[in-house]
């Protein structure tokens, strides 16, 4: 129902910045909660940040709060993740995510990984 394509990953030194983009397409993604998850080698996928498509309410993992900023451009159907002050522990494959708002509310957990996913983009932070 929702197709997602990420871009913007790469190699950056600790303390540097990257901006990830997620282009969304579909019929009803305006009623979705959009967000980013990440997964490092050998580890489980973890929540990073989410944003509601219409209102723009945001929610962040404690590990990235104050450093990462999620935003959206409704006209471009694109969600962004601005990552500043990057740390080596931020190294992971970052996945764009879309979940129906009504299901997120029903589950009562904004950080649960489910729904539609992009192909992932690699972010590597060197020390």
C-alpha atoms as a PDB file:
ATOM      1  CA  UNK A   1       0.000   0.000   0.000  1.00  0.00           C
ATOM      2  CA  UNK A   2       2.914   2.335   0.782  1.00  0.00           C
ATOM      3  CA  UNK A   3       6.190   2.170  -1.106  1.00  0.00           C
ATOM      4  CA  UNK A   4       9.315   3.683   0.444  1.00  0.00           C
ATOM      5  CA  UNK A   5      12.745   4.443  -1.028  1.00  0.00           C
ATOM      6  CA  UNK A   6      15.596   5.689   1.183  1.00  0.00           C
ATOM      7  CA  UNK A   7      18.691   7.605   0.169  1.00  0.00           C
ATOM      8  CA  UNK A   8      21.437   9.721   1.712  1.00  0.00           C
ATOM      9  CA  UNK A   9      23.489   7.184   3.624  1.00  0.00           C
ATOM     10  CA  UNK A  10      27.260   7.153   3.531  1.00  0.00           C
ATOM     11  CA  UNK A  11      30.516   7.320   5.447  1.00  0.00           C
ATOM     12  CA  UNK A  12      31.111  10.191   7.854  1.00  0.00           C
ATOM     13  CA  UNK A  13      33.540  10.951  10.666  1.00  0.00           C
ATOM     14  CA  UNK A  14      32.395  11.149  14.270  1.00  0.00           C
ATOM     15  CA  UNK A  15      30.847  14.527  14.967  1.00  0.00           C
ATOM     16  CA  UNK A  16      29.743  14.939  11.376  1.00  0.00           C
ATOM     17  CA  UNK A  17      26.292  15.094   9.827  1.00  0.00           C
ATOM     18  CA  UNK A  18      24.152  13.274   7.286  1.00  0.00           C
ATOM     19  CA  UNK A  19      20.623  13.765   6.010  1.00  0.00           C
ATOM     20  CA  UNK A  20      18.555  10.757   5.023  1.00  0.00           C
ATOM     21  CA  UNK A  21      15.579  11.027   2.694  1.00  0.00           C
ATOM     22  CA  UNK A  22      12.613   8.721   2.247  1.00  0.00           C
ATOM     23  CA  UNK A  23      10.360   9.117  -0.772  1.00  0.00           C
ATOM     24  CA  UNK A  24       6.890   7.706  -0.169  1.00  0.00           C
ATOM     25  CA  UNK A  25       4.199   6.720  -2.626  1.00  0.00           C
ATOM     26  CA  UNK A  26       0.795   5.132  -2.279  1.00  0.00           C
ATOM     27  CA  UNK A  27      -2.841   5.946  -1.825  1.00  0.00           C
ATOM     28  CA  UNK A  28      -3.336   6.474   1.900  1.00  0.00           C
ATOM     29  CA  UNK A  29       0.043   7.306   3.423  1.00  0.00           C
ATOM     30  CA  UNK A  30      -1.289  10.637   4.681  1.00  0.00           C
ATOM     31  CA  UNK A  31      -2.948   8.680   7.509  1.00  0.00           C
ATOM     32  CA  UNK A  32       0.310   6.954   8.434  1.00  0.00           C
ATOM     33  CA  UNK A  33       2.911   7.461  11.097  1.00  0.00           C
ATOM     34  CA  UNK A  34       6.239   7.755   9.290  1.00  0.00           C
ATOM     35  CA  UNK A  35       9.578   7.033  10.849  1.00  0.00           C
ATOM     36  CA  UNK A  36      13.041   5.576  10.914  1.00  0.00           C
ATOM     37  CA  UNK A  37      14.438   2.401  12.420  1.00  0.00           C
ATOM     38  CA  UNK A  38      17.999   1.132  12.305  1.00  0.00           C
ATOM     39  CA  UNK A  39      19.748  -2.205  12.503  1.00  0.00           C
ATOM     40  CA  UNK A  40      23.419  -2.882  13.163  1.00  0.00           C
ATOM     41  CA  UNK A  41      25.081  -6.186  12.191  1.00  0.00           C
ATOM     42  CA  UNK A  42      24.069  -8.955  14.581  1.00  0.00           C
ATOM     43  CA  UNK A  43      21.578  -6.743  16.413  1.00  0.00           C
ATOM     44  CA  UNK A  44      17.816  -6.355  16.356  1.00  0.00           C
ATOM     45  CA  UNK A  45      16.078  -3.553  14.532  1.00  0.00           C
ATOM     46  CA  UNK A  46      15.554  -0.583  16.844  1.00  0.00           C
ATOM     47  CA  UNK A  47      13.414   2.524  16.830  1.00  0.00           C
ATOM     48  CA  UNK A  48      14.973   5.888  15.973  1.00  0.00           C
ATOM     49  CA  UNK A  49      12.262   8.489  15.322  1.00  0.00           C
ATOM     50  CA  UNK A  50       8.700   8.943  14.073  1.00  0.00           C
ATOM     51  CA  UNK A  51       6.531  11.751  12.745  1.00  0.00           C
ATOM     52  CA  UNK A  52       2.847  12.004  11.926  1.00  0.00           C
ATOM     53  CA  UNK A  53       2.189  12.897   8.309  1.00  0.00           C
ATOM     54  CA  UNK A  54      -0.480  15.525   8.909  1.00  0.00           C
ATOM     55  CA  UNK A  55       0.271  17.230  12.231  1.00  0.00           C
ATOM     56  CA  UNK A  56       4.020  16.660  12.322  1.00  0.00           C
ATOM     57  CA  UNK A  57       4.208  15.410  15.901  1.00  0.00           C
ATOM     58  CA  UNK A  58       7.586  13.823  16.567  1.00  0.00           C
ATOM     59  CA  UNK A  59       8.951  11.175  18.898  1.00  0.00           C
ATOM     60  CA  UNK A  60      12.593  10.175  19.361  1.00  0.00           C
ATOM     61  CA  UNK A  61      14.601   7.403  20.916  1.00  0.00           C
ATOM     62  CA  UNK A  62      16.562   8.620  23.926  1.00  0.00           C
ATOM     63  CA  UNK A  63      19.806   7.650  22.209  1.00  0.00           C
ATOM     64  CA  UNK A  64      19.313  10.189  19.406  1.00  0.00           C
ATOM     65  CA  UNK A  65      17.278  12.926  21.092  1.00  0.00           C
ATOM     66  CA  UNK A  66      18.930  16.302  20.671  1.00  0.00           C
ATOM     67  CA  UNK A  67      21.101  15.076  17.797  1.00  0.00           C
ATOM     68  CA  UNK A  68      18.622  13.798  15.184  1.00  0.00           C
ATOM     69  CA  UNK A  69      15.664  15.661  13.719  1.00  0.00           C
ATOM     70  CA  UNK A  70      12.856  14.038  11.745  1.00  0.00           C
ATOM     71  CA  UNK A  71      10.764  16.145   9.388  1.00  0.00           C
ATOM     72  CA  UNK A  72       8.490  15.814   6.386  1.00  0.00           C
ATOM     73  CA  UNK A  73       7.664  17.700   3.208  1.00  0.00           C
ATOM     74  CA  UNK A  74       4.064  16.941   2.320  1.00  0.00           C
ATOM     75  CA  UNK A  75       4.357  18.483  -1.143  1.00  0.00           C
ATOM     76  CA  UNK A  76       7.271  16.188  -2.003  1.00  0.00           C
ATOM     77  CA  UNK A  77       5.894  13.131  -0.167  1.00  0.00           C
ATOM     78  CA  UNK A  78       9.255  12.853   1.545  1.00  0.00           C
ATOM     79  CA  UNK A  79      10.409  12.233   5.105  1.00  0.00           C
ATOM     80  CA  UNK A  80      13.853  13.330   6.259  1.00  0.00           C
ATOM     81  CA  UNK A  81      16.182  12.410   9.077  1.00  0.00           C
ATOM     82  CA  UNK A  82      18.803  15.040   9.823  1.00  0.00           C
ATOM     83  CA  UNK A  83      21.586  13.419  11.832  1.00  0.00           C
ATOM     84  CA  UNK A  84      24.066  15.679  13.610  1.00  0.00           C
ATOM     85  CA  UNK A  85      26.878  14.965  16.056  1.00  0.00           C
ATOM     86  CA  UNK A  86      27.106  11.419  14.759  1.00  0.00           C
ATOM     87  CA  UNK A  87      28.751   8.761  16.895  1.00  0.00           C
ATOM     88  CA  UNK A  88      30.289   5.404  15.922  1.00  0.00           C
ATOM     89  CA  UNK A  89      27.411   3.662  17.693  1.00  0.00           C
ATOM     90  CA  UNK A  90      25.048   5.253  15.170  1.00  0.00           C
ATOM     91  CA  UNK A  91      26.523   2.968  12.503  1.00  0.00           C
ATOM     92  CA  UNK A  92      23.722   0.826  11.075  1.00  0.00           C
ATOM     93  CA  UNK A  93      21.434   0.268   8.145  1.00  0.00           C
ATOM     94  CA  UNK A  94      18.660   2.830   8.424  1.00  0.00           C
ATOM     95  CA  UNK A  95      15.169   1.868   7.268  1.00  0.00           C
ATOM     96  CA  UNK A  96      12.290   4.164   6.478  1.00  0.00           C
ATOM     97  CA  UNK A  97       9.009   2.944   7.935  1.00  0.00           C
ATOM     98  CA  UNK A  98       5.302   3.613   7.472  1.00  0.00           C
ATOM     99  CA  UNK A  99       2.591   2.391   9.849  1.00  0.00           C
ATOM    100  CA  UNK A 100      -1.162   3.102   9.790  1.00  0.00           C
ATOM    101  CA  UNK A 101      -1.898   5.631  12.512  1.00  0.00           C
ATOM    102  CA  UNK A 102      -4.920   3.711  13.754  1.00  0.00           C
ATOM    103  CA  UNK A 103      -2.805   0.588  14.316  1.00  0.00           C
ATOM    104  CA  UNK A 104      -0.086   2.530  16.117  1.00  0.00           C
ATOM    105  CA  UNK A 105      -2.743   3.923  18.448  1.00  0.00           C
ATOM    106  CA  UNK A 106      -4.306   0.498  18.970  1.00  0.00           C
ATOM    107  CA  UNK A 107      -0.943  -1.038  19.882  1.00  0.00           C
ATOM    108  CA  UNK A 108      -0.121   1.799  22.245  1.00  0.00           C
ATOM    109  CA  UNK A 109       3.553   1.617  21.346  1.00  0.00           C
ATOM    110  CA  UNK A 110       5.052   4.109  18.933  1.00  0.00           C
ATOM    111  CA  UNK A 111       8.377   2.245  18.857  1.00  0.00           C
ATOM    112  CA  UNK A 112       7.169  -1.176  17.667  1.00  0.00           C
ATOM    113  CA  UNK A 113       8.610  -2.232  14.273  1.00  0.00           C
ATOM    114  CA  UNK A 114       5.880  -3.176  11.817  1.00  0.00           C
ATOM    115  CA  UNK A 115       4.286  -1.959   8.608  1.00  0.00           C
ATOM    116  CA  UNK A 116       5.978  -1.007   5.337  1.00  0.00           C
ATOM    117  CA  UNK A 117       9.736  -0.695   4.922  1.00  0.00           C
ATOM    118  CA  UNK A 118      12.201   0.804   2.509  1.00  0.00           C
ATOM    119  CA  UNK A 119      15.229  -1.075   1.236  1.00  0.00           C
ATOM    120  CA  UNK A 120      17.572   0.505   3.770  1.00  0.00           C
ATOM    121  CA  UNK A 121      20.558   2.820   3.479  1.00  0.00           C
ATOM    122  CA  UNK A 122      23.925   2.255   5.151  1.00  0.00           C
ATOM    123  CA  UNK A 123      25.262   4.841   7.594  1.00  0.00           C
ATOM    124  CA  UNK A 124      28.836   4.342   8.766  1.00  0.00           C
ATOM    125  CA  UNK A 125      30.426   6.629  11.354  1.00  0.00           C
ATOM    126  CA  UNK A 126      34.176   6.361  11.801  1.00  0.00           C
ATOM    127  CA  UNK A 127      36.066   7.349  14.938  1.00  0.00           C
END
